[in-house]
C-alpha atoms as a PDB file:
ATOM      1  CA  MET A   1     -24.029 -13.765  -5.776  1.00  0.00           C
ATOM      2  CA  SER A   2     -20.601 -12.631  -4.554  1.00  0.00           C
ATOM      3  CA  ARG A   3     -21.531 -12.372  -0.900  1.00  0.00           C
ATOM      4  CA  PRO A   4     -18.752 -12.337   1.701  1.00  0.00           C
ATOM      5  CA  LEU A   5     -17.481 -15.851   2.328  1.00  0.00           C
ATOM      6  CA  VAL A   6     -16.996 -17.415   5.740  1.00  0.00           C
ATOM      7  CA  PRO A   7     -13.205 -17.573   6.284  1.00  0.00           C
ATOM      8  CA  LEU A   8     -11.535 -20.913   5.720  1.00  0.00           C
ATOM      9  CA  ALA A   9     -11.545 -23.012   8.876  1.00  0.00           C
ATOM     10  CA  ARG A  10      -8.416 -24.889   7.799  1.00  0.00           C
ATOM     11  CA  PRO A  11      -5.007 -23.314   7.195  1.00  0.00           C
ATOM     12  CA  LEU A  12      -3.233 -23.425   3.829  1.00  0.00           C
ATOM     13  CA  VAL A  13       0.483 -23.867   3.276  1.00  0.00           C
ATOM     14  CA  VAL A  14       1.542 -21.154   0.801  1.00  0.00           C
ATOM     15  CA  SER A  15       5.171 -20.358  -0.010  1.00  0.00           C
ATOM     16  CA  GLY A  16       6.178 -22.638   2.848  1.00  0.00           C
ATOM     17  CA  LEU A  17       4.076 -20.601   5.293  1.00  0.00           C
ATOM     18  CA  GLU A  18       0.981 -21.812   7.129  1.00  0.00           C
ATOM     19  CA  LEU A  19      -1.735 -19.213   6.516  1.00  0.00           C
ATOM     20  CA  HIS A  20      -4.767 -18.908   8.771  1.00  0.00           C
ATOM     21  CA  PHE A  21      -7.718 -17.047   7.230  1.00  0.00           C
ATOM     22  CA  PRO A  22      -8.886 -14.387   7.046  1.00  0.00           C
ATOM     23  CA  VAL A  23      -5.444 -13.088   6.127  1.00  0.00           C
ATOM     24  CA  GLN A  24      -4.795  -9.339   6.040  1.00  0.00           C
ATOM     25  CA  LEU A  25      -2.477  -7.546   3.619  1.00  0.00           C
ATOM     26  CA  SER A  26      -1.741  -3.893   4.450  1.00  0.00           C
ATOM     27  CA  PHE A  27      -0.807  -1.337   1.793  1.00  0.00           C
ATOM     28  CA  ARG A  28       0.616   2.174   1.544  1.00  0.00           C
ATOM     29  CA  SER A  29      -1.124   2.890  -1.755  1.00  0.00           C
ATOM     30  CA  PHE A  30      -3.624   1.098  -3.978  1.00  0.00           C
ATOM     31  CA  ALA A  31      -4.810   2.153  -7.435  1.00  0.00           C
ATOM     32  CA  ALA A  32      -6.855   0.641 -10.263  1.00  0.00           C
ATOM     33  CA  LEU A  33      -7.851   1.685 -13.770  1.00  0.00           C
ATOM     34  CA  PHE A  34     -10.760   0.281 -15.789  1.00  0.00           C
ATOM     35  CA  VAL A  35      -9.682   0.160 -19.450  1.00  0.00           C
ATOM     36  CA  PRO A  36     -11.880  -0.844 -22.433  1.00  0.00           C
ATOM     37  CA  VAL A  37     -10.368  -3.619 -24.579  1.00  0.00           C
ATOM     38  CA  PRO A  38     -11.773  -5.853 -27.330  1.00  0.00           C
ATOM     39  CA  ARG A  39     -14.048  -8.578 -25.998  1.00  0.00           C
ATOM     40  CA  HIS A  40     -12.431 -11.167 -28.261  1.00  0.00           C
ATOM     41  CA  VAL A  41      -9.137 -10.685 -26.392  1.00  0.00           C
ATOM     42  CA  VAL A  42     -10.538 -11.321 -22.914  1.00  0.00           C
ATOM     43  CA  ALA A  43     -13.230 -13.939 -23.617  1.00  0.00           C
ATOM     44  CA  PRO A  44     -10.899 -16.810 -24.704  1.00  0.00           C
ATOM     45  CA  LEU A  45      -8.926 -16.441 -21.461  1.00  0.00           C
ATOM     46  CA  LEU A  46     -11.996 -17.132 -19.307  1.00  0.00           C
ATOM     47  CA  PRO A  47     -13.253 -20.674 -18.645  1.00  0.00           C
ATOM     48  CA  ALA A  48     -17.005 -21.285 -18.576  1.00  0.00           C
ATOM     49  CA  PRO A  49     -19.195 -20.095 -16.950  1.00  0.00           C
ATOM     50  CA  LEU A  50     -17.194 -16.857 -16.596  1.00  0.00           C
ATOM     51  CA  ARG A  51     -18.079 -14.074 -19.044  1.00  0.00           C
ATOM     52  CA  PRO A  52     -16.330 -10.727 -19.604  1.00  0.00           C
ATOM     53  CA  VAL A  53     -18.007  -7.596 -18.293  1.00  0.00           C
ATOM     54  CA  PRO A  54     -18.817  -5.120 -21.115  1.00  0.00           C
ATOM     55  CA  GLY A  55     -16.572  -2.068 -21.003  1.00  0.00           C
ATOM     56  CA  GLY A  56     -17.916   0.182 -23.739  1.00  0.00           C
ATOM     57  CA  ARG A  57     -18.116   0.006 -27.512  1.00  0.00           C
ATOM     58  CA  ARG A  58     -15.135  -2.350 -27.733  1.00  0.00           C
ATOM     59  CA  GLY A  59     -17.066  -4.932 -25.804  1.00  0.00           C
ATOM     60  CA  GLY A  60     -14.717  -5.859 -22.962  1.00  0.00           C
ATOM     61  CA  SER A  61     -12.767  -4.411 -20.073  1.00  0.00           C
ATOM     62  CA  LEU A  62      -9.470  -4.845 -18.290  1.00  0.00           C
ATOM     63  CA  VAL A  63      -8.408  -3.634 -14.849  1.00  0.00           C
ATOM     64  CA  VAL A  64      -4.824  -2.487 -14.380  1.00  0.00           C
ATOM     65  CA  ASN A  65      -4.220  -2.538 -10.641  1.00  0.00           C
ATOM     66  CA  TRP A  66      -1.078  -1.641  -8.710  1.00  0.00           C
ATOM     67  CA  VAL A  67      -0.361  -1.870  -5.007  1.00  0.00           C
ATOM     68  CA  ALA A  68       2.547  -0.970  -2.742  1.00  0.00           C
ATOM     69  CA  TRP A  69       2.082  -3.723  -0.160  1.00  0.00           C
ATOM     70  CA  GLU A  70       3.540  -2.892   3.252  1.00  0.00           C
ATOM     71  CA  ARG A  71       2.740  -5.972   5.375  1.00  0.00           C
ATOM     72  CA  THR A  72       2.040  -9.390   3.876  1.00  0.00           C
ATOM     73  CA  PRO A  73       2.907 -12.996   4.795  1.00  0.00           C
ATOM     74  CA  VAL A  74       6.006 -12.687   2.556  1.00  0.00           C
ATOM     75  CA  GLY A  75       6.975  -9.145   3.524  1.00  0.00           C
ATOM     76  CA  PRO A  76       6.587  -5.861   1.585  1.00  0.00           C
ATOM     77  CA  PHE A  77       6.480  -5.860  -2.218  1.00  0.00           C
ATOM     78  CA  ASP A  78       5.168  -3.824  -5.136  1.00  0.00           C
ATOM     79  CA  GLU A  79       2.707  -5.421  -7.543  1.00  0.00           C
ATOM     80  CA  VAL A  80       0.977  -4.651 -10.850  1.00  0.00           C
ATOM     81  CA  THR A  81      -1.839  -7.031 -11.778  1.00  0.00           C
ATOM     82  CA  LEU A  82      -3.969  -7.336 -14.908  1.00  0.00           C
ATOM     83  CA  TRP A  83      -7.524  -8.428 -14.111  1.00  0.00           C
ATOM     84  CA  ALA A  84     -10.554  -9.349 -16.206  1.00  0.00           C
ATOM     85  CA  PRO A  85     -13.838  -8.114 -14.675  1.00  0.00           C
ATOM     86  CA  ILE A  86     -16.218 -11.049 -15.141  1.00  0.00           C
ATOM     87  CA  TYR A  87     -19.775 -12.222 -14.595  1.00  0.00           C
ATOM     88  CA  VAL A  88     -20.601 -15.590 -13.130  1.00  0.00           C
ATOM     89  CA  GLY A  89     -24.359 -15.186 -13.276  1.00  0.00           C
ATOM     90  CA  ARG A  90     -26.938 -13.105 -15.074  1.00  0.00           C
ATOM     91  CA  GLY A  91     -24.910  -9.925 -15.304  1.00  0.00           C
ATOM     92  CA  SER A  92     -25.800  -6.530 -16.690  1.00  0.00           C
ATOM     93  CA  PRO A  93     -27.166  -5.917 -20.195  1.00  0.00           C
ATOM     94  CA  LEU A  94     -25.630  -2.438 -20.421  1.00  0.00           C
ATOM     95  CA  PRO A  95     -21.907  -1.850 -21.060  1.00  0.00           C
ATOM     96  CA  GLY A  96     -20.185  -0.442 -18.012  1.00  0.00           C
ATOM     97  CA  LEU A  97     -23.250  -0.560 -15.752  1.00  0.00           C
ATOM     98  CA  ALA A  98     -21.835  -3.260 -13.484  1.00  0.00           C
ATOM     99  CA  VAL A  99     -18.562  -1.403 -12.969  1.00  0.00           C
ATOM    100  CA  LEU A 100     -20.357   1.899 -12.344  1.00  0.00           C
ATOM    101  CA  LEU A 101     -22.806   0.526  -9.794  1.00  0.00           C
ATOM    102  CA  HIS A 102     -20.203  -1.671  -8.150  1.00  0.00           C
ATOM    103  CA  GLY A 103     -17.923   1.345  -7.811  1.00  0.00           C
ATOM    104  CA  ARG A 104     -20.573   3.641  -6.341  1.00  0.00           C
ATOM    105  CA  ALA A 105     -22.229   1.081  -4.081  1.00  0.00           C
ATOM    106  CA  GLY A 106     -19.164  -0.971  -3.127  1.00  0.00           C
ATOM    107  CA  ARG A 107     -21.245  -4.118  -3.674  1.00  0.00           C
ATOM    108  CA  THR A 108     -21.158  -7.014  -6.123  1.00  0.00           C
ATOM    109  CA  ASP A 109     -24.749  -8.228  -5.883  1.00  0.00           C
ATOM    110  CA  VAL A 110     -26.192  -5.094  -7.521  1.00  0.00           C
ATOM    111  CA  VAL A 111     -26.117  -6.309 -11.116  1.00  0.00           C
ATOM    112  CA  GLY A 112     -25.476 -10.002 -11.188  1.00  0.00           C
ATOM    113  CA  ASP A 113     -22.437 -11.832  -9.907  1.00  0.00           C
ATOM    114  CA  LEU A 114     -19.500  -9.508 -10.620  1.00  0.00           C
ATOM    115  CA  ALA A 115     -15.980 -10.639  -9.791  1.00  0.00           C
ATOM    116  CA  TYR A 116     -12.391 -10.327 -11.010  1.00  0.00           C
ATOM    117  CA  THR A 117     -10.153 -12.964 -12.557  1.00  0.00           C
ATOM    118  CA  PRO A 118      -6.380 -12.377 -12.314  1.00  0.00           C
ATOM    119  CA  LEU A 119      -4.654 -12.755 -15.694  1.00  0.00           C
ATOM    120  CA  TRP A 120      -1.089 -11.688 -14.803  1.00  0.00           C
ATOM    121  CA  SER A 121       0.703 -10.577 -11.654  1.00  0.00           C
ATOM    122  CA  LEU A 122       4.004  -8.696 -11.965  1.00  0.00           C
ATOM    123  CA  VAL A 123       5.908  -8.204  -8.710  1.00  0.00           C
ATOM    124  CA  ASP A 124       9.318  -6.983  -7.619  1.00  0.00           C
ATOM    125  CA  ARG A 125      10.275 -10.011  -5.497  1.00  0.00           C
ATOM    126  CA  GLU A 126      10.449 -13.705  -6.357  1.00  0.00           C
ATOM    127  CA  GLU A 127       8.949 -14.639  -2.966  1.00  0.00           C
ATOM    128  CA  ALA A 128       5.901 -12.544  -3.849  1.00  0.00           C
ATOM    129  CA  ALA A 129       5.605 -14.241  -7.249  1.00  0.00           C
ATOM    130  CA  VAL A 130       5.581 -17.666  -5.601  1.00  0.00           C
ATOM    131  CA  PHE A 131       3.016 -16.408  -3.070  1.00  0.00           C
ATOM    132  CA  ARG A 132       0.654 -15.278  -5.830  1.00  0.00           C
ATOM    133  CA  ARG A 133       1.106 -18.447  -7.870  1.00  0.00           C
ATOM    134  CA  GLU A 134       0.465 -20.788  -4.949  1.00  0.00           C
ATOM    135  CA  LEU A 135      -2.378 -18.798  -3.383  1.00  0.00           C
ATOM    136  CA  TRP A 136      -4.435 -17.909  -6.463  1.00  0.00           C
ATOM    137  CA  HIS A 137      -2.800 -19.991  -9.221  1.00  0.00           C
ATOM    138  CA  VAL A 138      -2.248 -16.835 -11.270  1.00  0.00           C
ATOM    139  CA  PRO A 139       0.687 -16.447 -13.703  1.00  0.00           C
ATOM    140  CA  ALA A 140       3.127 -14.323 -11.700  1.00  0.00           C
ATOM    141  CA  ARG A 141       6.639 -13.138 -12.521  1.00  0.00           C
ATOM    142  CA  ALA A 142       9.243 -11.184 -10.626  1.00  0.00           C
ATOM    143  CA  THR A 143      10.521  -8.161 -12.539  1.00  0.00           C
ATOM    144  CA  SER A 144      11.156  -4.453 -11.993  1.00  0.00           C
ATOM    145  CA  VAL A 145       8.085  -2.664 -10.603  1.00  0.00           C
ATOM    146  CA  ARG A 146       8.086   1.014  -9.654  1.00  0.00           C
ATOM    147  CA  ILE A 147       5.157   2.697  -7.930  1.00  0.00           C
ATOM    148  CA  ARG A 148       5.069   6.414  -7.264  1.00  0.00           C
ATOM    149  CA  SER A 149       2.380   8.402  -5.482  1.00  0.00           C
ATOM    150  CA  ASP A 150       1.814  12.135  -5.227  1.00  0.00           C
ATOM    151  CA  GLY A 151      -1.411  12.917  -3.446  1.00  0.00           C
ATOM    152  CA  ASP A 152      -4.257  11.472  -5.499  1.00  0.00           C
ATOM    153  CA  ARG A 153      -2.016  10.824  -8.519  1.00  0.00           C
ATOM    154  CA  HIS A 154      -0.461   7.395  -8.776  1.00  0.00           C
ATOM    155  CA  LEU A 155       1.991   6.055 -11.346  1.00  0.00           C
ATOM    156  CA  ALA A 156       3.137   2.492 -11.973  1.00  0.00           C
ATOM    157  CA  GLN A 157       5.819   1.292 -14.378  1.00  0.00           C
ATOM    158  CA  VAL A 158       6.950  -2.258 -15.078  1.00  0.00           C
ATOM    159  CA  GLN A 159      10.254  -3.003 -16.799  1.00  0.00           C
ATOM    160  CA  HIS A 160      11.713  -6.267 -18.018  1.00  0.00           C
ATOM    161  CA  GLY A 161      15.312  -6.519 -19.171  1.00  0.00           C
ATOM    162  CA  GLY A 162      15.581  -2.739 -19.063  1.00  0.00           C
ATOM    163  CA  ASP A 163      12.564  -2.214 -21.371  1.00  0.00           C
ATOM    164  CA  THR A 164       9.241  -0.764 -20.236  1.00  0.00           C
ATOM    165  CA  ILE A 165       6.426  -3.248 -20.790  1.00  0.00           C
ATOM    166  CA  LEU A 166       3.621  -1.495 -18.887  1.00  0.00           C
ATOM    167  CA  ARG A 167       2.923   2.009 -17.651  1.00  0.00           C
ATOM    168  CA  ALA A 168      -0.244   3.261 -15.963  1.00  0.00           C
ATOM    169  CA  GLN A 169      -1.307   6.423 -14.184  1.00  0.00           C
ATOM    170  CA  THR A 170      -4.389   7.838 -12.558  1.00  0.00           C
ATOM    171  CA  GLY A 171      -5.842  11.208 -13.458  1.00  0.00           C
ATOM    172  CA  ALA A 172      -6.319  14.215 -11.204  1.00  0.00           C
ATOM    173  CA  ALA A 173      -8.258  14.141  -7.960  1.00  0.00           C
ATOM    174  CA  GLY A 174     -11.818  12.857  -8.215  1.00  0.00           C
ATOM    175  CA  MET A 175     -14.737  12.151  -5.913  1.00  0.00           C
ATOM    176  CA  ARG A 176     -13.537  11.429  -2.381  1.00  0.00           C
ATOM    177  CA  LEU A 177     -15.608   8.802  -0.600  1.00  0.00           C
ATOM    178  CA  ARG A 178     -16.158   8.117   3.047  1.00  0.00           C
ATOM    179  CA  THR A 179     -14.009   5.298   4.325  1.00  0.00           C
ATOM    180  CA  GLY A 180     -15.658   1.931   4.408  1.00  0.00           C
ATOM    181  CA  ARG A 181     -15.807  -1.498   2.870  1.00  0.00           C
ATOM    182  CA  ILE A 182     -15.143  -2.133  -0.821  1.00  0.00           C
ATOM    183  CA  ALA A 183     -15.794  -5.691  -1.977  1.00  0.00           C
ATOM    184  CA  LEU A 184     -13.039  -7.367  -3.982  1.00  0.00           C
ATOM    185  CA  PRO A 185     -14.381 -10.782  -5.074  1.00  0.00           C
ATOM    186  CA  VAL A 186     -11.845 -12.922  -6.952  1.00  0.00           C
ATOM    187  CA  ARG A 187     -12.524 -16.019  -9.050  1.00  0.00           C
ATOM    188  CA  GLY A 188     -10.404 -18.360 -11.108  1.00  0.00           C
ATOM    189  CA  ARG A 189      -9.854 -21.918 -12.256  1.00  0.00           C
ATOM    190  CA  HIS A 190      -7.065 -24.362 -11.478  1.00  0.00           C
ATOM    191  CA  GLU A 191      -6.692 -27.907 -12.821  1.00  0.00           C
ATOM    192  CA  GLY A 192     -10.303 -27.899 -13.970  1.00  0.00           C
ATOM    193  CA  VAL A 193     -11.719 -26.765 -10.624  1.00  0.00           C
ATOM    194  CA  GLY A 194     -13.212 -23.324 -10.064  1.00  0.00           C
ATOM    195  CA  TRP A 195     -12.252 -21.380  -6.934  1.00  0.00           C
ATOM    196  CA  SER A 196     -13.373 -18.144  -5.311  1.00  0.00           C
ATOM    197  CA  ASP A 197     -12.097 -15.763  -2.662  1.00  0.00           C
ATOM    198  CA  HIS A 198     -13.494 -12.571  -1.198  1.00  0.00           C
ATOM    199  CA  GLY A 199     -11.575  -9.506  -0.086  1.00  0.00           C
ATOM    200  CA  ASP A 200     -12.774  -6.540   1.940  1.00  0.00           C
ATOM    201  CA  LEU A 201     -10.766  -3.365   1.353  1.00  0.00           C
ATOM    202  CA  HIS A 202     -10.604  -0.638   3.985  1.00  0.00           C
ATOM    203  CA  ALA A 203      -8.581   2.555   3.614  1.00  0.00           C
ATOM    204  CA  ASP A 204      -8.157   5.940   5.253  1.00  0.00           C
ATOM    205  CA  ALA A 205      -8.937   7.678   1.956  1.00  0.00           C
ATOM    206  CA  VAL A 206     -10.656   6.430  -1.188  1.00  0.00           C
ATOM    207  CA  VAL A 207     -10.910   8.507  -4.367  1.00  0.00           C
ATOM    208  CA  ARG A 208     -12.860   7.597  -7.510  1.00  0.00           C
ATOM    209  CA  ARG A 209     -12.891   9.326 -10.862  1.00  0.00           C
ATOM    210  CA  TRP A 210     -15.179   8.589 -13.807  1.00  0.00           C
ATOM    211  CA  ARG A 211     -14.016  10.997 -16.525  1.00  0.00           C
ATOM    212  CA  ARG A 212     -10.367  11.462 -17.554  1.00  0.00           C
ATOM    213  CA  ALA A 213      -9.631   8.763 -15.020  1.00  0.00           C
ATOM    214  CA  GLY A 214      -6.134   7.952 -16.252  1.00  0.00           C
ATOM    215  CA  ALA A 215      -4.256   6.108 -18.971  1.00  0.00           C
ATOM    216  CA  ALA A 216      -2.392   2.853 -19.560  1.00  0.00           C
ATOM    217  CA  GLU A 217       0.285   1.717 -22.015  1.00  0.00           C
ATOM    218  CA  VAL A 218       1.028  -1.962 -22.635  1.00  0.00           C
ATOM    219  CA  TYR A 219       4.043  -3.018 -24.718  1.00  0.00           C
ATOM    220  CA  ALA A 220       4.664  -6.416 -26.291  1.00  0.00           C
ATOM    221  CA  GLY A 221       7.571  -7.609 -24.200  1.00  0.00           C
ATOM    222  CA  GLY A 222       8.596  -9.650 -21.197  1.00  0.00           C
ATOM    223  CA  PRO A 223       6.260 -12.234 -19.680  1.00  0.00           C
ATOM    224  CA  ILE A 224       3.082 -10.527 -20.992  1.00  0.00           C
ATOM    225  CA  VAL A 225       4.215 -10.404 -24.629  1.00  0.00           C
ATOM    226  CA  GLU A 226       1.553 -12.784 -25.988  1.00  0.00           C
ATOM    227  CA  PHE A 227      -1.258 -11.014 -24.164  1.00  0.00           C
ATOM    228  CA  ALA A 228       0.005  -7.609 -25.314  1.00  0.00           C
ATOM    229  CA  VAL A 229       0.101  -8.777 -28.937  1.00  0.00           C
ATOM    230  CA  MET A 230      -3.516  -9.949 -28.592  1.00  0.00           C
ATOM    231  CA  LEU A 231      -4.361  -6.421 -27.457  1.00  0.00           C
ATOM    232  CA  GLY A 232      -2.739  -5.043 -30.630  1.00  0.00           C
ATOM    233  CA  ALA A 233       0.559  -3.883 -29.134  1.00  0.00           C
ATOM    234  CA  SER A 234       4.099  -4.375 -30.444  1.00  0.00           C
ATOM    235  CA  ASP A 235       7.538  -3.904 -28.903  1.00  0.00           C
ATOM    236  CA  THR A 236       7.707  -0.395 -30.386  1.00  0.00           C
ATOM    237  CA  GLU A 237       4.044   0.680 -30.487  1.00  0.00           C
ATOM    238  CA  PRO A 238       2.127   0.005 -27.268  1.00  0.00           C
ATOM    239  CA  LEU A 239      -1.564  -0.310 -26.713  1.00  0.00           C
ATOM    240  CA  ARG A 240      -2.530   3.156 -25.493  1.00  0.00           C
ATOM    241  CA  ALA A 241      -5.882   3.369 -23.750  1.00  0.00           C
ATOM    242  CA  ARG A 242      -7.727   5.928 -21.685  1.00  0.00           C
ATOM    243  CA  ALA A 243      -9.352   4.591 -18.534  1.00  0.00           C
ATOM    244  CA  PHE A 244     -13.057   5.172 -18.023  1.00  0.00           C
ATOM    245  CA  ALA A 245     -12.953   4.841 -14.213  1.00  0.00           C
ATOM    246  CA  SER A 246     -10.322   4.775 -11.510  1.00  0.00           C
ATOM    247  CA  LEU A 247      -9.923   4.043  -7.841  1.00  0.00           C
ATOM    248  CA  VAL A 248      -7.178   5.325  -5.541  1.00  0.00           C
ATOM    249  CA  ALA A 249      -6.798   4.343  -1.892  1.00  0.00           C
ATOM    250  CA  THR A 250      -4.101   5.056   0.668  1.00  0.00           C
ATOM    251  CA  ASP A 251      -3.014   3.541   3.979  1.00  0.00           C
ATOM    252  CA  GLY A 252      -5.368   0.597   4.203  1.00  0.00           C
ATOM    253  CA  ALA A 253      -5.687  -3.158   4.108  1.00  0.00           C
ATOM    254  CA  VAL A 254      -7.458  -5.999   2.326  1.00  0.00           C
ATOM    255  CA  ARG A 255      -8.749  -8.995   4.282  1.00  0.00           C
ATOM    256  CA  PHE A 256      -9.154 -12.144   2.193  1.00  0.00           C
ATOM    257  CA  ALA A 257     -11.316 -15.047   3.324  1.00  0.00           C
ATOM    258  CA  GLY A 258      -9.179 -17.627   1.522  1.00  0.00           C
ATOM    259  CA  PRO A 259      -9.654 -19.523  -1.769  1.00  0.00           C
ATOM    260  CA  ARG A 260     -12.151 -22.374  -1.813  1.00  0.00           C
ATOM    261  CA  PRO A 261     -14.275 -24.229  -4.409  1.00  0.00           C
ATOM    262  CA  ALA A 262     -16.401 -21.691  -6.268  1.00  0.00           C
ATOM    263  CA  ASP A 263     -19.666 -23.519  -5.590  1.00  0.00           C
ATOM    264  CA  SER A 264     -19.202 -23.583  -1.802  1.00  0.00           C
END
């Protein structure tokens, strides 16, 4: 199960910096959309034993997440990340059940071993791209990232070479939760070895929405062109998808325990 991990006892050198865990990253705003995508797009990107979480009739799901980081080991930066919600264990037999229960309970051991695998990280500073690549071994590129917040509405737009390659926005205000812990387990694979990390998110305000949660557009361009084409997008006609759940948080932080072998 994705229980909280004991922080790494040894430091890691990332981006030339010696990091001691747990490491805390503070943010001004944090938002995420759960978007249904074809299972056959996500599944080939996941090494065994990771399996995509069902996201509706199309059989898979993608999380479009954007964060305006305020304090990090490499300074402030804006980031948009594409994640694949995945199972490591038994999982849920019903599409969307894992995401729903995880969202309401803030836990990952409700319906099997739910986690998130980063597929792409798009940031607005090269130092941040190096930080993401060296810490989590995720494809990361520095490009133009704009994040705008207005109350419970958040908007993110990524441009590359002057062209928009990704746009996402949350819907109107939803169910406001009491502040508390939200588990953010992360898993991946690097040079044939699986790794895992565990983040605990705390924020002054957390808002979730299940219907009309928001929308995302992904264009075939820039560093994500191949992935966008797999989704069915082109440079003129994007993938347009409605989100089936969203999360918005403001003025908070995420504490990560540090990456280590997944079977530890």
